[in-house]
Amino acid sequence: MLTGKQKRYLRSLAHHLTPIFQVGKGGTNDHLVRHIEDAIESRELIKISVLNNCLDDPREIGAEIAEASGSELVQVIGKTIVLYKESKDNKQIELPRATRG
């Protein structure tokens, strides 16, 4: 589980990323989730855009994809979803330490 500080840090990193996946009117499926799992393993932080023709709520889609791919939902802003998962082989992002207050 990410802390608020860690989510803020990841949002700042994700700001400059472009979405690499799109969810259309068909919604999510196993094929899409598999591709997201592969991409998130190599990149750790990805953006997904929800197209206008998709009638599902982007927050629900984000939660569904995060759960299915085993990643953390960092942010849903408008129709853009940001996901993070620490890579096993390609670790690049060093998160701020979780401090207890």
PDB file of N, CA and C in Angstrom:
ATOM      1  N   MET A   1       0.839  -1.185   0.000  1.00  0.00           N
ATOM      2  CA  MET A   1       0.000   0.000   0.000  1.00  0.00           C
ATOM      3  C   MET A   1       0.884   1.248   0.000  1.00  0.00           C
ATOM      4  N   LEU A   2       0.595   2.160  -0.891  1.00  0.00           N
ATOM      5  CA  LEU A   2       1.388   3.378  -1.012  1.00  0.00           C
ATOM      6  C   LEU A   2       0.914   4.440  -0.023  1.00  0.00           C
ATOM      7  N   THR A   3       1.867   5.218   0.505  1.00  0.00           N
ATOM      8  CA  THR A   3       1.511   6.333   1.377  1.00  0.00           C
ATOM      9  C   THR A   3       1.179   7.546   0.511  1.00  0.00           C
ATOM     10  N   GLY A   4       0.630   8.570   1.123  1.00  0.00           N
ATOM     11  CA  GLY A   4       0.313   9.796   0.393  1.00  0.00           C
ATOM     12  C   GLY A   4       1.550  10.427  -0.217  1.00  0.00           C
ATOM     13  N   LYS A   5       2.642  10.414   0.554  1.00  0.00           N
ATOM     14  CA  LYS A   5       3.893  10.984   0.064  1.00  0.00           C
ATOM     15  C   LYS A   5       4.399  10.228  -1.165  1.00  0.00           C
ATOM     16  N   GLN A   6       4.314   8.901  -1.125  1.00  0.00           N
ATOM     17  CA  GLN A   6       4.758   8.089  -2.256  1.00  0.00           C
ATOM     18  C   GLN A   6       3.877   8.322  -3.476  1.00  0.00           C
ATOM     19  N   LYS A   7       2.558   8.444  -3.269  1.00  0.00           N
ATOM     20  CA  LYS A   7       1.650   8.710  -4.393  1.00  0.00           C
ATOM     21  C   LYS A   7       1.942  10.066  -5.014  1.00  0.00           C
ATOM     22  N   ARG A   8       2.212  11.079  -4.193  1.00  0.00           N
ATOM     23  CA  ARG A   8       2.546  12.399  -4.732  1.00  0.00           C
ATOM     24  C   ARG A   8       3.809  12.322  -5.579  1.00  0.00           C
ATOM     25  N   TYR A   9       4.803  11.584  -5.086  1.00  0.00           N
ATOM     26  CA  TYR A   9       6.053  11.423  -5.822  1.00  0.00           C
ATOM     27  C   TYR A   9       5.804  10.743  -7.173  1.00  0.00           C
ATOM     28  N   LEU A  10       5.011   9.666  -7.164  1.00  0.00           N
ATOM     29  CA  LEU A  10       4.710   8.946  -8.411  1.00  0.00           C
ATOM     30  C   LEU A  10       3.902   9.806  -9.373  1.00  0.00           C
ATOM     31  N   ARG A  11       2.972  10.612  -8.844  1.00  0.00           N
ATOM     32  CA  ARG A  11       2.198  11.515  -9.713  1.00  0.00           C
ATOM     33  C   ARG A  11       3.126  12.506 -10.400  1.00  0.00           C
ATOM     34  N   SER A  12       4.132  13.005  -9.674  1.00  0.00           N
ATOM     35  CA  SER A  12       5.072  13.956 -10.281  1.00  0.00           C
ATOM     36  C   SER A  12       5.881  13.284 -11.396  1.00  0.00           C
ATOM     37  N   LEU A  13       6.241  12.013 -11.208  1.00  0.00           N
ATOM     38  CA  LEU A  13       6.968  11.286 -12.255  1.00  0.00           C
ATOM     39  C   LEU A  13       6.064  10.995 -13.457  1.00  0.00           C
ATOM     40  N   ALA A  14       4.800  10.703 -13.187  1.00  0.00           N
ATOM     41  CA  ALA A  14       3.869  10.320 -14.251  1.00  0.00           C
ATOM     42  C   ALA A  14       3.410  11.512 -15.081  1.00  0.00           C
ATOM     43  N   HIS A  15       3.578  12.704 -14.546  1.00  0.00           N
ATOM     44  CA  HIS A  15       3.084  13.903 -15.232  1.00  0.00           C
ATOM     45  C   HIS A  15       3.580  13.994 -16.677  1.00  0.00           C
ATOM     46  N   HIS A  16       4.824  13.618 -16.915  1.00  0.00           N
ATOM     47  CA  HIS A  16       5.428  13.757 -18.243  1.00  0.00           C
ATOM     48  C   HIS A  16       5.232  12.535 -19.136  1.00  0.00           C
ATOM     49  N   LEU A  17       4.635  11.474 -18.610  1.00  0.00           N
ATOM     50  CA  LEU A  17       4.422  10.269 -19.404  1.00  0.00           C
ATOM     51  C   LEU A  17       3.234  10.439 -20.349  1.00  0.00           C
ATOM     52  N   THR A  18       3.289   9.731 -21.460  1.00  0.00           N
ATOM     53  CA  THR A  18       2.130   9.687 -22.344  1.00  0.00           C
ATOM     54  C   THR A  18       1.451   8.331 -22.150  1.00  0.00           C
ATOM     55  N   PRO A  19       0.132   8.286 -22.270  1.00  0.00           N
ATOM     56  CA  PRO A  19      -0.572   7.003 -22.102  1.00  0.00           C
ATOM     57  C   PRO A  19      -0.110   5.985 -23.144  1.00  0.00           C
ATOM     58  N   ILE A  20       0.127   4.744 -22.703  1.00  0.00           N
ATOM     59  CA  ILE A  20       0.581   3.712 -23.640  1.00  0.00           C
ATOM     60  C   ILE A  20      -0.519   2.704 -23.950  1.00  0.00           C
ATOM     61  N   PHE A  21      -1.648   2.774 -23.214  1.00  0.00           N
ATOM     62  CA  PHE A  21      -2.796   1.913 -23.499  1.00  0.00           C
ATOM     63  C   PHE A  21      -4.050   2.755 -23.514  1.00  0.00           C
ATOM     64  N   GLN A  22      -5.047   2.277 -24.260  1.00  0.00           N
ATOM     65  CA  GLN A  22      -6.340   2.951 -24.319  1.00  0.00           C
ATOM     66  C   GLN A  22      -7.428   1.922 -24.045  1.00  0.00           C
ATOM     67  N   VAL A  23      -8.415   2.343 -23.255  1.00  0.00           N
ATOM     68  CA  VAL A  23      -9.581   1.504 -22.999  1.00  0.00           C
ATOM     69  C   VAL A  23     -10.730   2.106 -23.792  1.00  0.00           C
ATOM     70  N   GLY A  24     -11.296   1.329 -24.707  1.00  0.00           N
ATOM     71  CA  GLY A  24     -12.371   1.812 -25.562  1.00  0.00           C
ATOM     72  C   GLY A  24     -13.717   1.302 -25.109  1.00  0.00           C
ATOM     73  N   LYS A  25     -14.673   1.305 -26.037  1.00  0.00           N
ATOM     74  CA  LYS A  25     -16.044   0.929 -25.675  1.00  0.00           C
ATOM     75  C   LYS A  25     -16.177  -0.532 -25.274  1.00  0.00           C
ATOM     76  N   GLY A  26     -15.200  -1.360 -25.630  1.00  0.00           N
ATOM     77  CA  GLY A  26     -15.226  -2.763 -25.231  1.00  0.00           C
ATOM     78  C   GLY A  26     -14.840  -2.966 -23.775  1.00  0.00           C
ATOM     79  N   GLY A  27     -14.301  -1.930 -23.128  1.00  0.00           N
ATOM     80  CA  GLY A  27     -13.877  -2.049 -21.735  1.00  0.00           C
ATOM     81  C   GLY A  27     -12.587  -2.837 -21.606  1.00  0.00           C
ATOM     82  N   THR A  28     -12.390  -3.421 -20.442  1.00  0.00           N
ATOM     83  CA  THR A  28     -11.156  -4.184 -20.206  1.00  0.00           C
ATOM     84  C   THR A  28     -11.391  -5.664 -20.488  1.00  0.00           C
ATOM     85  N   ASN A  29     -10.302  -6.374 -20.775  1.00  0.00           N
ATOM     86  CA  ASN A  29     -10.374  -7.819 -20.963  1.00  0.00           C
ATOM     87  C   ASN A  29      -9.040  -8.439 -20.545  1.00  0.00           C
ATOM     88  N   ASP A  30      -8.977  -9.756 -20.529  1.00  0.00           N
ATOM     89  CA  ASP A  30      -7.761 -10.454 -20.089  1.00  0.00           C
ATOM     90  C   ASP A  30      -6.559 -10.123 -20.954  1.00  0.00           C
ATOM     91  N   HIS A  31      -6.806  -9.963 -22.252  1.00  0.00           N
ATOM     92  CA  HIS A  31      -5.728  -9.656 -23.196  1.00  0.00           C
ATOM     93  C   HIS A  31      -5.088  -8.309 -22.845  1.00  0.00           C
ATOM     94  N   LEU A  32      -5.909  -7.298 -22.592  1.00  0.00           N
ATOM     95  CA  LEU A  32      -5.416  -5.966 -22.225  1.00  0.00           C
ATOM     96  C   LEU A  32      -4.643  -6.032 -20.910  1.00  0.00           C
ATOM     97  N   VAL A  33      -5.187  -6.736 -19.936  1.00  0.00           N
ATOM     98  CA  VAL A  33      -4.539  -6.848 -18.624  1.00  0.00           C
ATOM     99  C   VAL A  33      -3.171  -7.513 -18.752  1.00  0.00           C
ATOM    100  N   ARG A  34      -3.070  -8.541 -19.581  1.00  0.00           N
ATOM    101  CA  ARG A  34      -1.784  -9.219 -19.788  1.00  0.00           C
ATOM    102  C   ARG A  34      -0.742  -8.259 -20.362  1.00  0.00           C
ATOM    103  N   HIS A  35      -1.149  -7.449 -21.345  1.00  0.00           N
ATOM    104  CA  HIS A  35      -0.231  -6.462 -21.931  1.00  0.00           C
ATOM    105  C   HIS A  35       0.177  -5.415 -20.897  1.00  0.00           C
ATOM    106  N   ILE A  36      -0.770  -5.004 -20.063  1.00  0.00           N
ATOM    107  CA  ILE A  36      -0.468  -4.026 -19.020  1.00  0.00           C
ATOM    108  C   ILE A  36       0.524  -4.616 -18.019  1.00  0.00           C
ATOM    109  N   GLU A  37       0.337  -5.879 -17.638  1.00  0.00           N
ATOM    110  CA  GLU A  37       1.274  -6.532 -16.714  1.00  0.00           C
ATOM    111  C   GLU A  37       2.685  -6.548 -17.279  1.00  0.00           C
ATOM    112  N   ASP A  38       2.822  -6.857 -18.568  1.00  0.00           N
ATOM    113  CA  ASP A  38       4.143  -6.884 -19.204  1.00  0.00           C
ATOM    114  C   ASP A  38       4.765  -5.488 -19.219  1.00  0.00           C
ATOM    115  N   ALA A  39       3.964  -4.489 -19.584  1.00  0.00           N
ATOM    116  CA  ALA A  39       4.475  -3.122 -19.685  1.00  0.00           C
ATOM    117  C   ALA A  39       4.863  -2.581 -18.313  1.00  0.00           C
ATOM    118  N   ILE A  40       4.051  -2.874 -17.317  1.00  0.00           N
ATOM    119  CA  ILE A  40       4.321  -2.339 -15.980  1.00  0.00           C
ATOM    120  C   ILE A  40       5.536  -3.020 -15.349  1.00  0.00           C
ATOM    121  N   GLU A  41       5.822  -4.256 -15.753  1.00  0.00           N
ATOM    122  CA  GLU A  41       7.024  -4.939 -15.262  1.00  0.00           C
ATOM    123  C   GLU A  41       8.277  -4.255 -15.806  1.00  0.00           C
ATOM    124  N   SER A  42       8.228  -3.792 -17.044  1.00  0.00           N
ATOM    125  CA  SER A  42       9.417  -3.159 -17.620  1.00  0.00           C
ATOM    126  C   SER A  42       9.508  -1.671 -17.313  1.00  0.00           C
ATOM    127  N   ARG A  43       8.365  -1.000 -17.066  1.00  0.00           N
ATOM    128  CA  ARG A  43       8.384   0.449 -16.851  1.00  0.00           C
ATOM    129  C   ARG A  43       8.110   0.883 -15.421  1.00  0.00           C
ATOM    130  N   GLU A  44       7.426   0.081 -14.656  1.00  0.00           N
ATOM    131  CA  GLU A  44       7.007   0.334 -13.273  1.00  0.00           C
ATOM    132  C   GLU A  44       5.863   1.351 -13.148  1.00  0.00           C
ATOM    133  N   LEU A  45       5.861   2.384 -13.972  1.00  0.00           N
ATOM    134  CA  LEU A  45       4.839   3.425 -13.885  1.00  0.00           C
ATOM    135  C   LEU A  45       4.265   3.656 -15.280  1.00  0.00           C
ATOM    136  N   ILE A  46       2.948   3.502 -15.440  1.00  0.00           N
ATOM    137  CA  ILE A  46       2.335   3.692 -16.755  1.00  0.00           C
ATOM    138  C   ILE A  46       1.062   4.507 -16.646  1.00  0.00           C
ATOM    139  N   LYS A  47       0.701   5.097 -17.785  1.00  0.00           N
ATOM    140  CA  LYS A  47      -0.558   5.825 -17.907  1.00  0.00           C
ATOM    141  C   LYS A  47      -1.446   5.087 -18.903  1.00  0.00           C
ATOM    142  N   ILE A  48      -2.736   5.081 -18.605  1.00  0.00           N
ATOM    143  CA  ILE A  48      -3.730   4.480 -19.486  1.00  0.00           C
ATOM    144  C   ILE A  48      -4.812   5.524 -19.712  1.00  0.00           C
ATOM    145  N   SER A  49      -5.230   5.700 -20.951  1.00  0.00           N
ATOM    146  CA  SER A  49      -6.315   6.654 -21.197  1.00  0.00           C
ATOM    147  C   SER A  49      -7.607   5.908 -21.502  1.00  0.00           C
ATOM    148  N   VAL A  50      -8.702   6.475 -21.031  1.00  0.00           N
ATOM    149  CA  VAL A  50     -10.034   5.922 -21.282  1.00  0.00           C
ATOM    150  C   VAL A  50     -10.657   6.776 -22.375  1.00  0.00           C
ATOM    151  N   LEU A  51     -11.023   6.155 -23.477  1.00  0.00           N
ATOM    152  CA  LEU A  51     -11.564   6.895 -24.602  1.00  0.00           C
ATOM    153  C   LEU A  51     -12.986   7.380 -24.317  1.00  0.00           C
ATOM    154  N   ASN A  52     -13.387   8.407 -25.047  1.00  0.00           N
ATOM    155  CA  ASN A  52     -14.720   8.999 -24.850  1.00  0.00           C
ATOM    156  C   ASN A  52     -15.853   8.027 -25.150  1.00  0.00           C
ATOM    157  N   ASN A  53     -15.609   7.048 -26.021  1.00  0.00           N
ATOM    158  CA  ASN A  53     -16.685   6.105 -26.364  1.00  0.00           C
ATOM    159  C   ASN A  53     -16.853   5.005 -25.317  1.00  0.00           C
ATOM    160  N   CYS A  54     -16.025   5.006 -24.281  1.00  0.00           N
ATOM    161  CA  CYS A  54     -16.163   4.035 -23.196  1.00  0.00           C
ATOM    162  C   CYS A  54     -17.138   4.597 -22.168  1.00  0.00           C
ATOM    163  N   LEU A  55     -18.187   3.851 -21.882  1.00  0.00           N
ATOM    164  CA  LEU A  55     -19.239   4.335 -20.995  1.00  0.00           C
ATOM    165  C   LEU A  55     -18.967   4.036 -19.526  1.00  0.00           C
ATOM    166  N   ASP A  56     -17.969   3.194 -19.240  1.00  0.00           N
ATOM    167  CA  ASP A  56     -17.654   2.854 -17.851  1.00  0.00           C
ATOM    168  C   ASP A  56     -16.941   4.011 -17.150  1.00  0.00           C
ATOM    169  N   ASP A  57     -17.053   4.044 -15.828  1.00  0.00           N
ATOM    170  CA  ASP A  57     -16.403   5.070 -15.022  1.00  0.00           C
ATOM    171  C   ASP A  57     -14.896   4.802 -14.970  1.00  0.00           C
ATOM    172  N   PRO A  58     -14.069   5.811 -15.299  1.00  0.00           N
ATOM    173  CA  PRO A  58     -12.611   5.614 -15.271  1.00  0.00           C
ATOM    174  C   PRO A  58     -12.087   5.138 -13.918  1.00  0.00           C
ATOM    175  N   ARG A  59     -12.710   5.567 -12.818  1.00  0.00           N
ATOM    176  CA  ARG A  59     -12.264   5.129 -11.486  1.00  0.00           C
ATOM    177  C   ARG A  59     -12.488   3.626 -11.310  1.00  0.00           C
ATOM    178  N   GLU A  60     -13.630   3.144 -11.783  1.00  0.00           N
ATOM    179  CA  GLU A  60     -13.915   1.710 -11.695  1.00  0.00           C
ATOM    180  C   GLU A  60     -12.955   0.916 -12.580  1.00  0.00           C
ATOM    181  N   ILE A  61     -12.696   1.429 -13.776  1.00  0.00           N
ATOM    182  CA  ILE A  61     -11.765   0.765 -14.693  1.00  0.00           C
ATOM    183  C   ILE A  61     -10.373   0.706 -14.066  1.00  0.00           C
ATOM    184  N   GLY A  62      -9.937   1.817 -13.487  1.00  0.00           N
ATOM    185  CA  GLY A  62      -8.619   1.862 -12.843  1.00  0.00           C
ATOM    186  C   GLY A  62      -8.499   0.856 -11.721  1.00  0.00           C
ATOM    187  N   ALA A  63      -9.524   0.787 -10.872  1.00  0.00           N
ATOM    188  CA  ALA A  63      -9.503  -0.160  -9.754  1.00  0.00           C
ATOM    189  C   ALA A  63      -9.502  -1.598 -10.268  1.00  0.00           C
ATOM    190  N   GLU A  64     -10.291  -1.845 -11.313  1.00  0.00           N
ATOM    191  CA  GLU A  64     -10.383  -3.191 -11.893  1.00  0.00           C
ATOM    192  C   GLU A  64      -9.048  -3.632 -12.495  1.00  0.00           C
ATOM    193  N   ILE A  65      -8.414  -2.746 -13.256  1.00  0.00           N
ATOM    194  CA  ILE A  65      -7.127  -3.076 -13.881  1.00  0.00           C
ATOM    195  C   ILE A  65      -6.049  -3.258 -12.815  1.00  0.00           C
ATOM    196  N   ALA A  66      -6.042  -2.378 -11.810  1.00  0.00           N
ATOM    197  CA  ALA A  66      -5.037  -2.478 -10.750  1.00  0.00           C
ATOM    198  C   ALA A  66      -5.146  -3.811 -10.023  1.00  0.00           C
ATOM    199  N   GLU A  67      -6.366  -4.209  -9.720  1.00  0.00           N
ATOM    200  CA  GLU A  67      -6.570  -5.477  -9.020  1.00  0.00           C
ATOM    201  C   GLU A  67      -6.167  -6.660  -9.896  1.00  0.00           C
ATOM    202  N   ALA A  68      -6.574  -6.628 -11.169  1.00  0.00           N
ATOM    203  CA  ALA A  68      -6.291  -7.743 -12.079  1.00  0.00           C
ATOM    204  C   ALA A  68      -4.797  -7.876 -12.376  1.00  0.00           C
ATOM    205  N   SER A  69      -4.082  -6.741 -12.413  1.00  0.00           N
ATOM    206  CA  SER A  69      -2.656  -6.781 -12.762  1.00  0.00           C
ATOM    207  C   SER A  69      -1.757  -6.815 -11.530  1.00  0.00           C
ATOM    208  N   GLY A  70      -2.336  -6.704 -10.349  1.00  0.00           N
ATOM    209  CA  GLY A  70      -1.541  -6.722  -9.127  1.00  0.00           C
ATOM    210  C   GLY A  70      -0.749  -5.453  -8.910  1.00  0.00           C
ATOM    211  N   SER A  71      -1.220  -4.356  -9.477  1.00  0.00           N
ATOM    212  CA  SER A  71      -0.505  -3.082  -9.344  1.00  0.00           C
ATOM    213  C   SER A  71      -1.264  -2.135  -8.411  1.00  0.00           C
ATOM    214  N   GLU A  72      -0.663  -0.980  -8.157  1.00  0.00           N
ATOM    215  CA  GLU A  72      -1.272   0.035  -7.295  1.00  0.00           C
ATOM    216  C   GLU A  72      -1.875   1.127  -8.165  1.00  0.00           C
ATOM    217  N   LEU A  73      -3.095   1.541  -7.823  1.00  0.00           N
ATOM    218  CA  LEU A  73      -3.733   2.661  -8.503  1.00  0.00           C
ATOM    219  C   LEU A  73      -3.200   3.938  -7.865  1.00  0.00           C
ATOM    220  N   VAL A  74      -2.419   4.700  -8.629  1.00  0.00           N
ATOM    221  CA  VAL A  74      -1.819   5.922  -8.102  1.00  0.00           C
ATOM    222  C   VAL A  74      -2.806   7.077  -8.214  1.00  0.00           C
ATOM    223  N   GLN A  75      -3.453   7.187  -9.376  1.00  0.00           N
ATOM    224  CA  GLN A  75      -4.311   8.348  -9.618  1.00  0.00           C
ATOM    225  C   GLN A  75      -5.249   8.081 -10.781  1.00  0.00           C
ATOM    226  N   VAL A  76      -6.451   8.641 -10.682  1.00  0.00           N
ATOM    227  CA  VAL A  76      -7.356   8.717 -11.819  1.00  0.00           C
ATOM    228  C   VAL A  76      -7.738  10.185 -11.915  1.00  0.00           C
ATOM    229  N   ILE A  77      -7.342  10.812 -13.003  1.00  0.00           N
ATOM    230  CA  ILE A  77      -7.676  12.218 -13.192  1.00  0.00           C
ATOM    231  C   ILE A  77      -8.321  12.361 -14.560  1.00  0.00           C
ATOM    232  N   GLY A  78      -9.576  12.760 -14.565  1.00  0.00           N
ATOM    233  CA  GLY A  78     -10.325  12.820 -15.810  1.00  0.00           C
ATOM    234  C   GLY A  78     -10.462  11.421 -16.381  1.00  0.00           C
ATOM    235  N   LYS A  79      -9.943  11.217 -17.573  1.00  0.00           N
ATOM    236  CA  LYS A  79     -10.009   9.910 -18.215  1.00  0.00           C
ATOM    237  C   LYS A  79      -8.622   9.277 -18.323  1.00  0.00           C
ATOM    238  N   THR A  80      -7.732   9.665 -17.423  1.00  0.00           N
ATOM    239  CA  THR A  80      -6.373   9.124 -17.408  1.00  0.00           C
ATOM    240  C   THR A  80      -6.123   8.376 -16.106  1.00  0.00           C
ATOM    241  N   ILE A  81      -5.601   7.160 -16.231  1.00  0.00           N
ATOM    242  CA  ILE A  81      -5.325   6.296 -15.090  1.00  0.00           C
ATOM    243  C   ILE A  81      -3.810   6.133 -14.974  1.00  0.00           C
ATOM    244  N   VAL A  82      -3.289   6.248 -13.758  1.00  0.00           N
ATOM    245  CA  VAL A  82      -1.860   6.040 -13.508  1.00  0.00           C
ATOM    246  C   VAL A  82      -1.701   4.827 -12.592  1.00  0.00           C
ATOM    247  N   LEU A  83      -0.903   3.855 -13.040  1.00  0.00           N
ATOM    248  CA  LEU A  83      -0.662   2.632 -12.272  1.00  0.00           C
ATOM    249  C   LEU A  83       0.823   2.483 -11.971  1.00  0.00           C
ATOM    250  N   TYR A  84       1.128   1.874 -10.808  1.00  0.00           N
ATOM    251  CA  TYR A  84       2.512   1.618 -10.414  1.00  0.00           C
ATOM    252  C   TYR A  84       2.625   0.206  -9.850  1.00  0.00           C
ATOM    253  N   LYS A  85       3.715  -0.433 -10.198  1.00  0.00           N
ATOM    254  CA  LYS A  85       4.058  -1.709  -9.571  1.00  0.00           C
ATOM    255  C   LYS A  85       5.575  -1.838  -9.593  1.00  0.00           C
ATOM    256  N   GLU A  86       6.147  -2.158  -8.449  1.00  0.00           N
ATOM    257  CA  GLU A  86       7.594  -2.313  -8.380  1.00  0.00           C
ATOM    258  C   GLU A  86       8.026  -3.487  -9.238  1.00  0.00           C
ATOM    259  N   SER A  87       9.023  -3.250 -10.081  1.00  0.00           N
ATOM    260  CA  SER A  87       9.514  -4.283 -10.991  1.00  0.00           C
ATOM    261  C   SER A  87      10.432  -5.257 -10.258  1.00  0.00           C
ATOM    262  N   LYS A  88      10.351  -6.528 -10.632  1.00  0.00           N
ATOM    263  CA  LYS A  88      11.233  -7.530 -10.051  1.00  0.00           C
ATOM    264  C   LYS A  88      12.626  -7.454 -10.673  1.00  0.00           C
ATOM    265  N   ASP A  89      12.687  -7.244 -11.997  1.00  0.00           N
ATOM    266  CA  ASP A  89      13.960  -7.297 -12.722  1.00  0.00           C
ATOM    267  C   ASP A  89      14.482  -5.929 -13.162  1.00  0.00           C
ATOM    268  N   ASN A  90      13.580  -4.953 -13.363  1.00  0.00           N
ATOM    269  CA  ASN A  90      13.974  -3.663 -13.940  1.00  0.00           C
ATOM    270  C   ASN A  90      13.694  -2.498 -12.997  1.00  0.00           C
ATOM    271  N   LYS A  91      14.063  -2.624 -11.730  1.00  0.00           N
ATOM    272  CA  LYS A  91      13.739  -1.585 -10.757  1.00  0.00           C
ATOM    273  C   LYS A  91      14.432  -0.281 -11.116  1.00  0.00           C
ATOM    274  N   GLN A  92      13.637   0.777 -11.321  1.00  0.00           N
ATOM    275  CA  GLN A  92      14.179   2.081 -11.698  1.00  0.00           C
ATOM    276  C   GLN A  92      13.741   3.181 -10.725  1.00  0.00           C
ATOM    277  N   ILE A  93      12.555   3.049 -10.163  1.00  0.00           N
ATOM    278  CA  ILE A  93      11.990   4.098  -9.324  1.00  0.00           C
ATOM    279  C   ILE A  93      12.281   3.799  -7.849  1.00  0.00           C
ATOM    280  N   GLU A  94      12.874   4.767  -7.182  1.00  0.00           N
ATOM    281  CA  GLU A  94      13.148   4.649  -5.750  1.00  0.00           C
ATOM    282  C   GLU A  94      12.125   5.507  -5.019  1.00  0.00           C
ATOM    283  N   LEU A  95      11.180   4.851  -4.330  1.00  0.00           N
ATOM    284  CA  LEU A  95      10.118   5.566  -3.634  1.00  0.00           C
ATOM    285  C   LEU A  95      10.635   6.219  -2.357  1.00  0.00           C
ATOM    286  N   PRO A  96      10.036   7.363  -1.973  1.00  0.00           N
ATOM    287  CA  PRO A  96      10.370   7.941  -0.663  1.00  0.00           C
ATOM    288  C   PRO A  96       9.988   6.945   0.429  1.00  0.00           C
ATOM    289  N   ARG A  97      10.725   6.923   1.507  1.00  0.00           N
ATOM    290  CA  ARG A  97      10.447   5.987   2.582  1.00  0.00           C
ATOM    291  C   ARG A  97       9.147   6.333   3.279  1.00  0.00           C
ATOM    292  N   ALA A  98       8.419   5.313   3.654  1.00  0.00           N
ATOM    293  CA  ALA A  98       7.168   5.510   4.384  1.00  0.00           C
ATOM    294  C   ALA A  98       7.509   5.831   5.840  1.00  0.00           C
ATOM    295  N   THR A  99       7.128   7.003   6.288  1.00  0.00           N
ATOM    296  CA  THR A  99       7.409   7.394   7.670  1.00  0.00           C
ATOM    297  C   THR A  99       6.148   7.342   8.483  1.00  0.00           C
ATOM    298  N   ARG A 100       6.281   6.945   9.697  1.00  0.00           N
ATOM    299  CA  ARG A 100       5.133   6.889  10.611  1.00  0.00           C
ATOM    300  C   ARG A 100       5.133   8.159  11.450  1.00  0.00           C
ATOM    301  N   GLY A 101       3.996   8.834  11.501  1.00  0.00           N
ATOM    302  CA  GLY A 101       3.922  10.103  12.203  1.00  0.00           C
ATOM    303  C   GLY A 101       3.365  10.019  13.511  1.00  0.00           C
TER     304      GLY A 101
END
